[in-house]
């Protein structure tokens, strides 16, 4: 009986880990899809709060995909 109970506890832990991994991957996918929109929203918020509008404009000039491609080449 004790042996069977220990196996179920390990199984439950594995299932929780799998759920955490799936949620993390889903969050990364959502951030990848909406990254340009999120950057533009933060840029607008920074500008409204009296921040440097030139820095916000510079961050929005390049799309996230282009930035990641360039980052891969810089290595």
C-alpha atoms as a PDB file:
ATOM      1  CA  UNK A   1       0.000   0.000   0.000  1.00  0.00           C
ATOM      2  CA  UNK A   2       2.746   2.493   0.888  1.00  0.00           C
ATOM      3  CA  UNK A   3       4.525   1.813  -2.367  1.00  0.00           C
ATOM      4  CA  UNK A   4       1.375   2.511  -4.391  1.00  0.00           C
ATOM      5  CA  UNK A   5       0.761   5.767  -2.523  1.00  0.00           C
ATOM      6  CA  UNK A   6       4.321   7.000  -3.186  1.00  0.00           C
ATOM      7  CA  UNK A   7       3.909   6.369  -6.930  1.00  0.00           C
ATOM      8  CA  UNK A   8       0.729   8.416  -7.044  1.00  0.00           C
ATOM      9  CA  UNK A   9       2.411  11.301  -5.242  1.00  0.00           C
ATOM     10  CA  UNK A  10       5.190  11.353  -7.845  1.00  0.00           C
ATOM     11  CA  UNK A  11       2.618  11.168 -10.609  1.00  0.00           C
ATOM     12  CA  UNK A  12       0.764  14.182  -9.211  1.00  0.00           C
ATOM     13  CA  UNK A  13       4.001  16.171  -8.990  1.00  0.00           C
ATOM     14  CA  UNK A  14       4.801  15.339 -12.609  1.00  0.00           C
ATOM     15  CA  UNK A  15       1.337  16.468 -13.680  1.00  0.00           C
ATOM     16  CA  UNK A  16       1.736  19.785 -11.866  1.00  0.00           C
ATOM     17  CA  UNK A  17       5.108  20.349 -13.528  1.00  0.00           C
ATOM     18  CA  UNK A  18       3.585  19.644 -16.937  1.00  0.00           C
ATOM     19  CA  UNK A  19       0.788  22.143 -16.263  1.00  0.00           C
ATOM     20  CA  UNK A  20       3.305  24.817 -15.228  1.00  0.00           C
ATOM     21  CA  UNK A  21       5.336  24.221 -18.397  1.00  0.00           C
ATOM     22  CA  UNK A  22       2.237  24.452 -20.599  1.00  0.00           C
ATOM     23  CA  UNK A  23       1.131  27.693 -18.932  1.00  0.00           C
ATOM     24  CA  UNK A  24       4.634  29.164 -19.302  1.00  0.00           C
ATOM     25  CA  UNK A  25       4.758  28.268 -23.006  1.00  0.00           C
ATOM     26  CA  UNK A  26       1.307  29.751 -23.544  1.00  0.00           C
ATOM     27  CA  UNK A  27       2.384  32.975 -21.806  1.00  0.00           C
ATOM     28  CA  UNK A  28       5.481  33.198 -24.005  1.00  0.00           C
ATOM     29  CA  UNK A  29       3.397  32.642 -27.136  1.00  0.00           C
ATOM     30  CA  UNK A  30       0.938  35.362 -26.120  1.00  0.00           C
ATOM     31  CA  UNK A  31       3.776  37.782 -25.395  1.00  0.00           C
ATOM     32  CA  UNK A  32       5.352  36.997 -28.759  1.00  0.00           C
ATOM     33  CA  UNK A  33       2.105  37.661 -30.610  1.00  0.00           C
ATOM     34  CA  UNK A  34       1.274  40.903 -28.826  1.00  0.00           C
ATOM     35  CA  UNK A  35       4.791  42.216 -28.162  1.00  0.00           C
ATOM     36  CA  UNK A  36       4.583  45.114 -30.629  1.00  0.00           C
ATOM     37  CA  UNK A  37       1.253  46.236 -29.202  1.00  0.00           C
ATOM     38  CA  UNK A  38       2.539  45.977 -25.630  1.00  0.00           C
ATOM     39  CA  UNK A  39       5.619  48.043 -26.510  1.00  0.00           C
ATOM     40  CA  UNK A  40       3.501  50.732 -28.115  1.00  0.00           C
ATOM     41  CA  UNK A  41       1.228  50.862 -25.074  1.00  0.00           C
ATOM     42  CA  UNK A  42       4.201  51.235 -22.703  1.00  0.00           C
ATOM     43  CA  UNK A  43       5.732  53.846 -25.009  1.00  0.00           C
ATOM     44  CA  UNK A  44       2.518  55.852 -24.916  1.00  0.00           C
ATOM     45  CA  UNK A  45       2.338  55.561 -21.139  1.00  0.00           C
ATOM     46  CA  UNK A  46       5.940  56.750 -20.761  1.00  0.00           C
ATOM     47  CA  UNK A  47       5.267  59.723 -23.005  1.00  0.00           C
ATOM     48  CA  UNK A  48       2.096  60.628 -21.103  1.00  0.00           C
ATOM     49  CA  UNK A  49       3.938  60.482 -17.795  1.00  0.00           C
ATOM     50  CA  UNK A  50       6.446  63.032 -19.027  1.00  0.00           C
ATOM     51  CA  UNK A  51       9.150  60.680 -20.166  1.00  0.00           C
ATOM     52  CA  UNK A  52      11.467  61.020 -23.131  1.00  0.00           C
ATOM     53  CA  UNK A  53       9.370  60.765 -26.292  1.00  0.00           C
ATOM     54  CA  UNK A  54      12.484  60.197 -28.432  1.00  0.00           C
ATOM     55  CA  UNK A  55      13.276  57.003 -26.522  1.00  0.00           C
ATOM     56  CA  UNK A  56       9.701  55.776 -26.962  1.00  0.00           C
ATOM     57  CA  UNK A  57       9.813  56.518 -30.692  1.00  0.00           C
ATOM     58  CA  UNK A  58      13.166  54.744 -31.041  1.00  0.00           C
ATOM     59  CA  UNK A  59      11.799  51.662 -29.318  1.00  0.00           C
ATOM     60  CA  UNK A  60       8.818  51.568 -31.665  1.00  0.00           C
ATOM     61  CA  UNK A  61      10.765  52.016 -34.901  1.00  0.00           C
ATOM     62  CA  UNK A  62      11.739  48.365 -35.095  1.00  0.00           C
ATOM     63  CA  UNK A  63       9.329  45.442 -34.800  1.00  0.00           C
ATOM     64  CA  UNK A  64       9.982  42.726 -32.251  1.00  0.00           C
ATOM     65  CA  UNK A  65      10.681  40.160 -34.959  1.00  0.00           C
ATOM     66  CA  UNK A  66      13.315  42.399 -36.567  1.00  0.00           C
ATOM     67  CA  UNK A  67      14.899  43.060 -33.173  1.00  0.00           C
ATOM     68  CA  UNK A  68      15.152  39.332 -32.421  1.00  0.00           C
ATOM     69  CA  UNK A  69      16.648  38.612 -35.847  1.00  0.00           C
ATOM     70  CA  UNK A  70      19.256  41.336 -35.348  1.00  0.00           C
ATOM     71  CA  UNK A  71      19.989  40.106 -31.854  1.00  0.00           C
ATOM     72  CA  UNK A  72      20.722  36.619 -33.205  1.00  0.00           C
ATOM     73  CA  UNK A  73      23.227  38.002 -35.709  1.00  0.00           C
ATOM     74  CA  UNK A  74      25.109  40.037 -33.098  1.00  0.00           C
ATOM     75  CA  UNK A  75      26.350  36.933 -31.325  1.00  0.00           C
END
